[in-house]
Amino acid sequence: MGLDKLKDRNISMGEYINVLEDEYPKTGWEEFKQIVKRSVKGELFVGLKIVWNMMTGALFKGEMHTVQYPAEKLPIGPRYRAVHKLLALLESGENRCIGCGLCEKICISNCIRMETKIDENSRKEVMEYSINLGRCIFCGYCAEVCPELAIVHAGRYENASEQRAHFVLKEDLLTPLDKLKEQKEYPGFGAVSPDADEKIKKTPLSY
């Protein structure tokens, strides 16, 4: 192909064939017949049958598939990474967090802040612990790296608020002391697996 033919943008116009599905209507009656022919087909009644079966099943057979939120909530998977929760020790009521700061260091969104001090028992005590849920991407690294299983992802996923200050409250993450007996080991992201005891191997002593 020469340069002149390459520059000709209409070189392939003669190769096209116009294919019409049917003749265009010329009168109003022909337009009406075309509309009826294209709209009233078997597929329309098949769709209406499906809708009718779903409607009668929901109204008369108790087959309602709609969840009445917030009165009803769908169950979430145990590996779902929802809003964090800080667990406490059932024996003493102390917070499990030892203030190692690993969660603060590994946080890739830089949303965890921790302040610690040494108490009278020479134990590191966590004074302030906050998670900015407005910045958190819920990656789960903090729960994975925690050596004491103090922080896990619990099942609360409604964290909408009108103010940003509501996203950093420590009291919402900690287990209240009056409800400590009701605390359950949440089998969520970062929690110990059910067969963890079976996977533990005894370390051989050197003596």
Protein backbone atom coordinates (compact mmCIF):
# COMPACT_ATOMS: atom_id res chain seq x y z
CA MET A 1 0.00 0.00 0.00
CA GLY A 2 1.36 3.34 -1.03
CA LEU A 3 1.53 6.47 1.08
CA ASP A 4 -1.32 8.08 -0.86
CA LYS A 5 -3.68 5.18 -0.13
CA LEU A 6 -2.57 5.12 3.52
CA LYS A 7 -3.51 8.78 3.92
CA ASP A 8 -6.90 8.18 2.30
CA ARG A 9 -9.24 7.72 5.26
CA ASN A 10 -12.15 6.56 3.09
CA ILE A 11 -10.27 3.74 1.38
CA SER A 12 -12.37 0.98 2.98
CA MET A 13 -15.79 2.56 2.67
CA GLY A 14 -16.62 0.53 -0.38
CA GLU A 15 -16.17 -2.77 1.50
CA TYR A 16 -18.91 -2.18 4.08
CA ILE A 17 -22.34 -3.77 3.58
CA ASN A 18 -25.29 -2.25 5.36
CA VAL A 19 -27.43 -4.99 6.89
CA LEU A 20 -30.92 -4.12 8.08
CA GLU A 21 -32.77 -6.45 10.44
CA ASP A 22 -36.12 -5.48 8.97
CA GLU A 23 -37.64 -2.69 7.00
CA TYR A 24 -38.24 0.54 8.84
CA PRO A 25 -41.93 1.30 9.41
CA LYS A 26 -43.38 3.95 7.19
CA THR A 27 -46.80 4.45 8.76
CA GLY A 28 -48.10 4.76 12.29
CA TRP A 29 -49.79 1.36 12.12
CA GLU A 30 -46.54 -0.31 11.09
CA GLU A 31 -44.73 1.38 14.00
CA PHE A 32 -47.41 0.11 16.42
CA LYS A 33 -47.09 -3.45 15.08
CA GLN A 34 -43.30 -3.28 15.40
CA ILE A 35 -43.55 -2.15 19.04
CA VAL A 36 -45.99 -4.94 19.90
CA LYS A 37 -43.85 -7.51 18.12
CA ARG A 38 -40.67 -6.51 19.97
CA SER A 39 -42.21 -6.05 23.43
CA VAL A 40 -44.72 -8.88 23.79
CA LYS A 41 -42.57 -12.00 23.64
CA GLY A 42 -42.18 -15.16 25.68
CA GLU A 43 -39.30 -13.75 27.70
CA LEU A 44 -41.59 -11.10 29.17
CA PHE A 45 -43.96 -13.70 30.63
CA VAL A 46 -41.06 -15.78 31.93
CA GLY A 47 -39.81 -12.78 33.89
CA LEU A 48 -43.29 -12.02 35.20
CA LYS A 49 -43.62 -15.64 36.35
CA ILE A 50 -40.38 -15.45 38.34
CA VAL A 51 -41.45 -12.19 39.97
CA TRP A 52 -44.88 -13.64 40.82
CA ASN A 53 -43.35 -16.74 42.43
CA MET A 54 -40.96 -14.63 44.51
CA MET A 55 -43.75 -12.29 45.63
CA THR A 56 -46.18 -15.06 46.62
CA GLY A 57 -43.43 -16.96 48.43
CA ALA A 58 -42.48 -13.89 50.46
CA LEU A 59 -46.05 -12.94 51.34
CA PHE A 60 -47.73 -16.29 51.97
CA LYS A 61 -45.00 -18.94 52.44
CA GLY A 62 -42.62 -17.13 54.77
CA GLU A 63 -39.79 -17.07 52.24
CA MET A 64 -38.79 -13.49 52.90
CA HIS A 65 -35.14 -12.91 51.98
CA THR A 66 -34.97 -9.32 53.22
CA VAL A 67 -33.03 -8.69 56.43
CA GLN A 68 -34.78 -6.22 58.73
CA TYR A 69 -31.70 -4.19 59.61
CA PRO A 70 -30.81 -3.12 62.33
CA ALA A 71 -33.16 -5.44 64.21
CA GLU A 72 -31.73 -8.36 62.25
CA LYS A 73 -28.10 -8.70 61.25
CA LEU A 74 -26.39 -11.22 59.05
CA PRO A 75 -23.69 -13.32 60.74
CA ILE A 76 -20.13 -12.44 59.78
CA GLY A 77 -17.27 -14.83 59.29
CA PRO A 78 -14.76 -15.47 62.08
CA ARG A 79 -11.94 -14.08 59.92
CA TYR A 80 -13.73 -10.81 59.23
CA ARG A 81 -11.64 -7.82 60.26
CA ALA A 82 -14.12 -5.51 61.99
CA VAL A 83 -13.59 -2.90 64.74
CA HIS A 84 -10.83 -3.77 67.19
CA LYS A 85 -11.35 -4.98 70.75
CA LEU A 86 -8.89 -5.08 73.65
CA LEU A 87 -9.27 -8.13 75.86
CA ALA A 88 -8.57 -8.42 79.57
CA LEU A 89 -7.44 -11.22 81.86
CA LEU A 90 -10.32 -13.06 83.49
CA GLU A 91 -8.33 -13.92 86.62
CA SER A 92 -7.09 -10.49 87.64
CA GLY A 93 -9.13 -8.14 85.50
CA GLU A 94 -5.96 -6.51 84.19
CA ASN A 95 -5.60 -5.59 80.58
CA ARG A 96 -3.77 -8.20 78.54
CA CYS A 97 -1.78 -5.53 76.78
CA ILE A 98 1.80 -5.42 78.09
CA GLY A 99 2.69 -2.21 76.30
CA CYS A 100 5.26 -3.73 73.98
CA GLY A 101 4.30 -1.34 71.21
CA LEU A 102 4.50 -3.86 68.40
CA CYS A 103 1.03 -2.96 67.13
CA GLU A 104 2.00 0.71 67.04
CA LYS A 105 5.21 -0.03 65.15
CA ILE A 106 3.71 -2.37 62.57
CA CYS A 107 0.67 -0.21 61.80
CA ILE A 108 1.09 0.82 58.17
CA SER A 109 -1.57 3.52 58.35
CA ASN A 110 0.02 5.08 61.48
CA CYS A 111 -3.27 5.19 63.38
CA ILE A 112 -2.34 3.51 66.71
CA ARG A 113 -1.02 5.60 69.62
CA MET A 114 0.15 4.21 72.95
CA GLU A 115 1.46 5.78 76.15
CA THR A 116 2.93 3.58 78.89
CA LYS A 117 4.53 3.92 82.31
CA ILE A 118 6.09 1.63 84.93
CA ASP A 119 3.73 0.98 87.84
CA GLU A 120 4.56 0.14 91.47
CA ASN A 121 4.85 -3.57 90.61
CA SER A 122 7.56 -2.82 88.02
CA ARG A 123 5.11 -3.74 85.33
CA LYS A 124 4.59 -1.65 82.25
CA GLU A 125 1.14 -0.14 82.39
CA VAL A 126 -0.71 1.22 79.40
CA MET A 127 -1.99 4.71 80.16
CA GLU A 128 -3.49 5.70 76.83
CA TYR A 129 -4.29 3.48 73.86
CA SER A 130 -6.17 4.86 70.90
CA ILE A 131 -6.92 3.71 67.37
CA ASN A 132 -7.99 6.29 64.84
CA LEU A 133 -10.65 4.33 63.00
CA GLY A 134 -10.91 7.13 60.47
CA ARG A 135 -7.40 6.25 59.23
CA CYS A 136 -7.40 2.52 59.96
CA ILE A 137 -7.55 0.27 56.88
CA PHE A 138 -8.32 -2.85 58.96
CA CYS A 139 -5.37 -4.81 57.61
CA GLY A 140 -5.10 -6.97 60.74
CA TYR A 141 -1.35 -6.58 61.26
CA CYS A 142 -1.81 -5.36 64.84
CA ALA A 143 -3.78 -8.48 65.76
CA GLU A 144 -1.28 -10.77 64.08
CA VAL A 145 1.77 -9.31 65.80
CA CYS A 146 0.30 -9.07 69.32
CA PRO A 147 2.14 -11.63 71.52
CA GLU A 148 -0.52 -11.61 74.28
CA LEU A 149 -3.63 -11.83 72.07
CA ALA A 150 -4.73 -8.57 73.67
CA ILE A 151 -6.12 -6.99 70.53
CA VAL A 152 -8.42 -8.80 68.14
CA HIS A 153 -10.92 -7.82 65.50
CA ALA A 154 -14.34 -8.20 67.08
CA GLY A 155 -17.73 -8.35 65.41
CA ARG A 156 -18.77 -4.68 65.59
CA TYR A 157 -18.63 -3.23 62.11
CA GLU A 158 -20.86 -0.16 62.55
CA ASN A 159 -18.40 2.64 63.20
CA ALA A 160 -20.25 5.57 61.66
CA SER A 161 -20.11 8.80 63.62
CA GLU A 162 -20.76 12.49 63.20
CA GLN A 163 -17.43 13.53 64.73
CA ARG A 164 -13.91 12.25 64.22
CA ALA A 165 -13.25 12.29 67.95
CA HIS A 166 -15.55 9.29 68.36
CA PHE A 167 -13.13 7.13 66.41
CA VAL A 168 -10.32 7.20 68.99
CA LEU A 169 -12.01 6.26 72.27
CA LYS A 170 -10.18 3.66 74.30
CA GLU A 171 -13.25 2.87 76.40
CA ASP A 172 -15.03 1.50 73.34
CA LEU A 173 -12.25 -1.02 72.74
CA LEU A 174 -11.65 -2.23 76.30
CA THR A 175 -13.85 -4.75 78.06
CA PRO A 176 -15.68 -3.00 80.96
CA LEU A 177 -14.82 -4.34 84.41
CA ASP A 178 -18.45 -4.97 85.29
CA LYS A 179 -18.83 -7.14 82.18
CA LEU A 180 -15.54 -8.96 82.55
CA LYS A 181 -17.25 -12.24 83.42
CA GLU A 182 -19.20 -12.06 80.17
CA GLN A 183 -16.06 -11.72 78.08
CA LYS A 184 -15.64 -14.51 75.58
CA GLU A 185 -12.64 -15.49 73.58
CA TYR A 186 -13.63 -14.11 70.21
CA PRO A 187 -12.56 -16.53 67.45
CA GLY A 188 -11.84 -13.65 65.11
CA PHE A 189 -8.87 -12.38 63.21
CA GLY A 190 -5.80 -12.54 65.43
CA ALA A 191 -7.31 -14.90 68.01
CA VAL A 192 -5.79 -18.25 68.90
CA SER A 193 -6.90 -21.20 66.79
CA PRO A 194 -8.95 -24.01 68.40
CA ASP A 195 -6.15 -26.54 67.84
CA ALA A 196 -3.37 -24.30 69.16
CA ASP A 197 -2.60 -26.57 72.12
CA GLU A 198 -2.06 -29.51 69.82
CA LYS A 199 0.38 -27.56 67.68
CA ILE A 200 2.60 -26.56 70.64
CA LYS A 201 5.87 -28.48 70.74
CA LYS A 202 7.95 -28.83 73.88
CA THR A 203 11.34 -27.15 73.71
CA PRO A 204 14.14 -29.59 74.64
CA LEU A 205 16.11 -28.50 77.71
CA SER A 206 19.82 -27.96 77.46
CA TYR A 207 20.55 -29.74 80.76
